[in-house]
Amino acid sequence: HKPYTEVFQQIGNMTLEDQIAILYAAFTCANKDEAKFITRQNFLDYYLDNYTLSDVMSQLQAVIEGITGQTLSDVEESEETSQGN
């Protein structure tokens, strides 16, 4: 378990499946009753069949903004600054 900011800083290096896993985690937090019936694998399969890469990025940005109050580009800039780039 890592702090949210550390996870979000690495989001550009994650696989698509790992990025969708973040969306699944957000889904389970927001929909506790419904999430009991949807496994991570079923969520992943459905997501890959029905959403585009643009949808992934848009929804990830919304999750990041909701948790951190920062945009995805702010989080990525923070990562670059912490790495000395």
N, C-alpha and C. Protein backbone atom coordinates (compact mmCIF):
# COMPACT_ATOMS: atom_id res chain seq x y z
N HIS A 1 0.84 -1.18 0.00
CA HIS A 1 0.00 0.00 0.00
C HIS A 1 0.87 1.23 0.00
N LYS A 2 0.64 2.09 -0.98
CA LYS A 2 1.40 3.33 -1.13
C LYS A 2 0.45 4.51 -0.96
N PRO A 3 0.99 5.67 -0.57
CA PRO A 3 0.16 6.87 -0.52
C PRO A 3 -0.39 7.18 -1.91
N TYR A 4 -1.58 7.78 -1.95
CA TYR A 4 -2.21 8.11 -3.23
C TYR A 4 -1.28 8.92 -4.13
N THR A 5 -0.64 9.92 -3.57
CA THR A 5 0.20 10.78 -4.40
C THR A 5 1.32 10.00 -5.05
N GLU A 6 1.89 9.04 -4.35
CA GLU A 6 2.96 8.23 -4.93
C GLU A 6 2.43 7.35 -6.05
N VAL A 7 1.27 6.78 -5.85
CA VAL A 7 0.64 5.96 -6.89
C VAL A 7 0.33 6.81 -8.12
N PHE A 8 -0.27 7.98 -7.90
CA PHE A 8 -0.66 8.83 -9.02
C PHE A 8 0.54 9.38 -9.77
N GLN A 9 1.66 9.58 -9.09
CA GLN A 9 2.85 10.06 -9.77
C GLN A 9 3.37 9.03 -10.76
N GLN A 10 3.10 7.76 -10.52
CA GLN A 10 3.59 6.69 -11.38
C GLN A 10 2.56 6.25 -12.42
N ILE A 11 1.45 6.94 -12.50
CA ILE A 11 0.34 6.50 -13.34
C ILE A 11 0.72 6.37 -14.82
N GLY A 12 1.60 7.23 -15.29
CA GLY A 12 2.03 7.17 -16.69
C GLY A 12 2.87 5.94 -17.01
N ASN A 13 3.45 5.35 -16.01
CA ASN A 13 4.28 4.15 -16.20
C ASN A 13 3.50 2.85 -15.98
N MET A 14 2.24 2.96 -15.59
CA MET A 14 1.42 1.78 -15.31
C MET A 14 0.88 1.17 -16.59
N THR A 15 0.61 -0.11 -16.53
CA THR A 15 -0.08 -0.76 -17.64
C THR A 15 -1.52 -0.27 -17.68
N LEU A 16 -2.16 -0.45 -18.80
CA LEU A 16 -3.57 -0.08 -18.93
C LEU A 16 -4.40 -0.83 -17.89
N GLU A 17 -4.09 -2.09 -17.67
CA GLU A 17 -4.82 -2.89 -16.70
C GLU A 17 -4.68 -2.32 -15.29
N ASP A 18 -3.48 -1.85 -14.94
CA ASP A 18 -3.28 -1.25 -13.62
C ASP A 18 -4.02 0.08 -13.50
N GLN A 19 -4.07 0.83 -14.58
CA GLN A 19 -4.81 2.09 -14.57
C GLN A 19 -6.30 1.81 -14.37
N ILE A 20 -6.81 0.80 -15.04
CA ILE A 20 -8.22 0.44 -14.88
C ILE A 20 -8.47 -0.09 -13.48
N ALA A 21 -7.48 -0.72 -12.87
CA ALA A 21 -7.62 -1.19 -11.49
C ALA A 21 -7.86 -0.02 -10.54
N ILE A 22 -7.25 1.13 -10.83
CA ILE A 22 -7.51 2.32 -10.02
C ILE A 22 -8.97 2.72 -10.17
N LEU A 23 -9.48 2.67 -11.39
CA LEU A 23 -10.90 2.99 -11.61
C LEU A 23 -11.80 1.99 -10.88
N TYR A 24 -11.40 0.73 -10.88
CA TYR A 24 -12.17 -0.29 -10.16
C TYR A 24 -12.18 0.02 -8.67
N ALA A 25 -11.04 0.40 -8.12
CA ALA A 25 -10.98 0.74 -6.70
C ALA A 25 -11.91 1.91 -6.39
N ALA A 26 -11.90 2.92 -7.27
CA ALA A 26 -12.80 4.06 -7.08
C ALA A 26 -14.26 3.62 -7.18
N PHE A 27 -14.54 2.74 -8.15
CA PHE A 27 -15.90 2.22 -8.31
C PHE A 27 -16.36 1.48 -7.06
N THR A 28 -15.48 0.65 -6.49
CA THR A 28 -15.88 -0.11 -5.30
C THR A 28 -16.12 0.80 -4.10
N CYS A 29 -15.35 1.88 -4.00
CA CYS A 29 -15.56 2.83 -2.90
C CYS A 29 -16.88 3.58 -3.05
N ALA A 30 -17.21 3.94 -4.27
CA ALA A 30 -18.41 4.72 -4.54
C ALA A 30 -19.68 3.88 -4.61
N ASN A 31 -19.53 2.58 -4.87
CA ASN A 31 -20.69 1.70 -5.09
C ASN A 31 -20.55 0.41 -4.30
N LYS A 32 -20.47 0.53 -3.00
CA LYS A 32 -20.19 -0.63 -2.16
C LYS A 32 -21.18 -1.78 -2.37
N ASP A 33 -22.45 -1.50 -2.50
CA ASP A 33 -23.44 -2.56 -2.67
C ASP A 33 -23.31 -3.26 -4.02
N GLU A 34 -23.17 -2.49 -5.09
CA GLU A 34 -23.05 -3.07 -6.42
C GLU A 34 -21.71 -3.78 -6.61
N ALA A 35 -20.66 -3.26 -5.98
CA ALA A 35 -19.32 -3.81 -6.15
C ALA A 35 -19.20 -5.24 -5.61
N LYS A 36 -20.09 -5.63 -4.73
CA LYS A 36 -20.08 -7.00 -4.21
C LYS A 36 -20.29 -8.02 -5.31
N PHE A 37 -20.91 -7.60 -6.39
CA PHE A 37 -21.27 -8.52 -7.46
C PHE A 37 -20.36 -8.43 -8.68
N ILE A 38 -19.39 -7.54 -8.64
CA ILE A 38 -18.51 -7.34 -9.81
C ILE A 38 -17.06 -7.54 -9.37
N THR A 39 -16.44 -8.56 -9.90
CA THR A 39 -15.03 -8.81 -9.58
C THR A 39 -14.15 -7.84 -10.35
N ARG A 40 -12.92 -7.72 -9.90
CA ARG A 40 -11.96 -6.87 -10.60
C ARG A 40 -11.79 -7.33 -12.05
N GLN A 41 -11.72 -8.65 -12.27
CA GLN A 41 -11.53 -9.17 -13.62
C GLN A 41 -12.75 -8.88 -14.50
N ASN A 42 -13.95 -9.03 -13.94
CA ASN A 42 -15.16 -8.72 -14.71
C ASN A 42 -15.22 -7.23 -15.06
N PHE A 43 -14.82 -6.39 -14.12
CA PHE A 43 -14.78 -4.94 -14.37
C PHE A 43 -13.79 -4.64 -15.47
N LEU A 44 -12.60 -5.24 -15.40
CA LEU A 44 -11.57 -5.04 -16.41
C LEU A 44 -12.06 -5.48 -17.78
N ASP A 45 -12.63 -6.67 -17.86
CA ASP A 45 -13.12 -7.18 -19.14
C ASP A 45 -14.20 -6.26 -19.73
N TYR A 46 -15.15 -5.85 -18.89
CA TYR A 46 -16.21 -4.97 -19.36
C TYR A 46 -15.64 -3.64 -19.82
N TYR A 47 -14.72 -3.11 -19.02
CA TYR A 47 -14.13 -1.81 -19.35
C TYR A 47 -13.39 -1.86 -20.67
N LEU A 48 -12.58 -2.88 -20.86
CA LEU A 48 -11.81 -3.00 -22.10
C LEU A 48 -12.71 -3.16 -23.32
N ASP A 49 -13.86 -3.79 -23.13
CA ASP A 49 -14.80 -4.00 -24.24
C ASP A 49 -15.64 -2.77 -24.57
N ASN A 50 -15.80 -1.86 -23.60
CA ASN A 50 -16.77 -0.79 -23.78
C ASN A 50 -16.24 0.64 -23.69
N TYR A 51 -14.99 0.82 -23.33
CA TYR A 51 -14.45 2.16 -23.17
C TYR A 51 -13.18 2.34 -24.00
N THR A 52 -12.86 3.59 -24.29
CA THR A 52 -11.67 3.91 -25.08
C THR A 52 -10.54 4.37 -24.15
N LEU A 53 -9.36 4.49 -24.71
CA LEU A 53 -8.22 4.99 -23.95
C LEU A 53 -8.50 6.42 -23.47
N SER A 54 -9.17 7.18 -24.28
CA SER A 54 -9.55 8.54 -23.88
C SER A 54 -10.46 8.51 -22.66
N ASP A 55 -11.39 7.56 -22.62
CA ASP A 55 -12.27 7.40 -21.46
C ASP A 55 -11.46 7.09 -20.20
N VAL A 56 -10.46 6.20 -20.34
CA VAL A 56 -9.61 5.84 -19.20
C VAL A 56 -8.94 7.08 -18.64
N MET A 57 -8.31 7.85 -19.52
CA MET A 57 -7.58 9.04 -19.08
C MET A 57 -8.52 10.06 -18.44
N SER A 58 -9.67 10.26 -19.04
CA SER A 58 -10.63 11.22 -18.51
C SER A 58 -11.12 10.80 -17.12
N GLN A 59 -11.44 9.53 -16.97
CA GLN A 59 -11.94 9.05 -15.69
C GLN A 59 -10.84 9.00 -14.63
N LEU A 60 -9.61 8.65 -15.03
CA LEU A 60 -8.50 8.70 -14.09
C LEU A 60 -8.27 10.13 -13.61
N GLN A 61 -8.34 11.07 -14.53
CA GLN A 61 -8.16 12.46 -14.15
C GLN A 61 -9.23 12.88 -13.14
N ALA A 62 -10.46 12.47 -13.35
CA ALA A 62 -11.53 12.82 -12.42
C ALA A 62 -11.28 12.20 -11.04
N VAL A 63 -10.80 10.97 -11.00
CA VAL A 63 -10.50 10.32 -9.72
C VAL A 63 -9.37 11.05 -9.01
N ILE A 64 -8.31 11.35 -9.75
CA ILE A 64 -7.16 12.05 -9.16
C ILE A 64 -7.57 13.42 -8.62
N GLU A 65 -8.33 14.15 -9.41
CA GLU A 65 -8.78 15.46 -8.97
C GLU A 65 -9.67 15.35 -7.75
N GLY A 66 -10.52 14.34 -7.70
CA GLY A 66 -11.40 14.16 -6.57
C GLY A 66 -10.66 13.83 -5.28
N ILE A 67 -9.57 13.09 -5.39
CA ILE A 67 -8.82 12.68 -4.20
C ILE A 67 -7.80 13.73 -3.79
N THR A 68 -7.06 14.26 -4.75
CA THR A 68 -5.93 15.14 -4.42
C THR A 68 -6.23 16.62 -4.57
N GLY A 69 -7.23 16.96 -5.34
CA GLY A 69 -7.49 18.36 -5.63
C GLY A 69 -6.54 18.91 -6.69
N GLN A 70 -5.77 18.00 -7.33
CA GLN A 70 -4.83 18.40 -8.38
C GLN A 70 -5.22 17.72 -9.68
N THR A 71 -4.83 18.34 -10.80
CA THR A 71 -5.05 17.71 -12.09
C THR A 71 -3.98 16.66 -12.33
N LEU A 72 -4.18 15.80 -13.32
CA LEU A 72 -3.20 14.78 -13.68
C LEU A 72 -1.88 15.44 -14.06
N SER A 73 -1.92 16.54 -14.80
CA SER A 73 -0.68 17.20 -15.21
C SER A 73 0.05 17.78 -14.00
N ASP A 74 -0.68 18.26 -12.99
CA ASP A 74 -0.04 18.75 -11.76
C ASP A 74 0.68 17.62 -11.04
N VAL A 75 0.05 16.46 -10.98
CA VAL A 75 0.66 15.31 -10.32
C VAL A 75 1.91 14.87 -11.08
N GLU A 76 1.82 14.83 -12.42
CA GLU A 76 2.98 14.44 -13.22
C GLU A 76 4.11 15.45 -13.08
N GLU A 77 3.79 16.75 -13.03
CA GLU A 77 4.81 17.78 -12.82
C GLU A 77 5.48 17.62 -11.47
N SER A 78 4.70 17.27 -10.46
CA SER A 78 5.24 17.03 -9.13
C SER A 78 6.24 15.88 -9.16
N GLU A 79 5.93 14.84 -9.95
CA GLU A 79 6.84 13.71 -10.08
C GLU A 79 8.15 14.16 -10.73
N GLU A 80 8.05 14.94 -11.80
CA GLU A 80 9.25 15.40 -12.50
C GLU A 80 10.11 16.27 -11.59
N THR A 81 9.47 17.12 -10.81
CA THR A 81 10.19 18.00 -9.88
C THR A 81 10.89 17.17 -8.81
N SER A 82 10.21 16.17 -8.29
CA SER A 82 10.82 15.35 -7.24
C SER A 82 11.97 14.50 -7.77
N GLN A 83 11.98 14.24 -9.09
CA GLN A 83 13.06 13.45 -9.69
C GLN A 83 14.18 14.36 -10.19
N GLY A 84 14.00 15.66 -10.07
CA GLY A 84 15.03 16.61 -10.47
C GLY A 84 15.11 16.88 -11.95
N ASN A 85 14.02 16.64 -12.69
CA ASN A 85 14.01 16.91 -14.14
C ASN A 85 13.66 18.35 -14.43
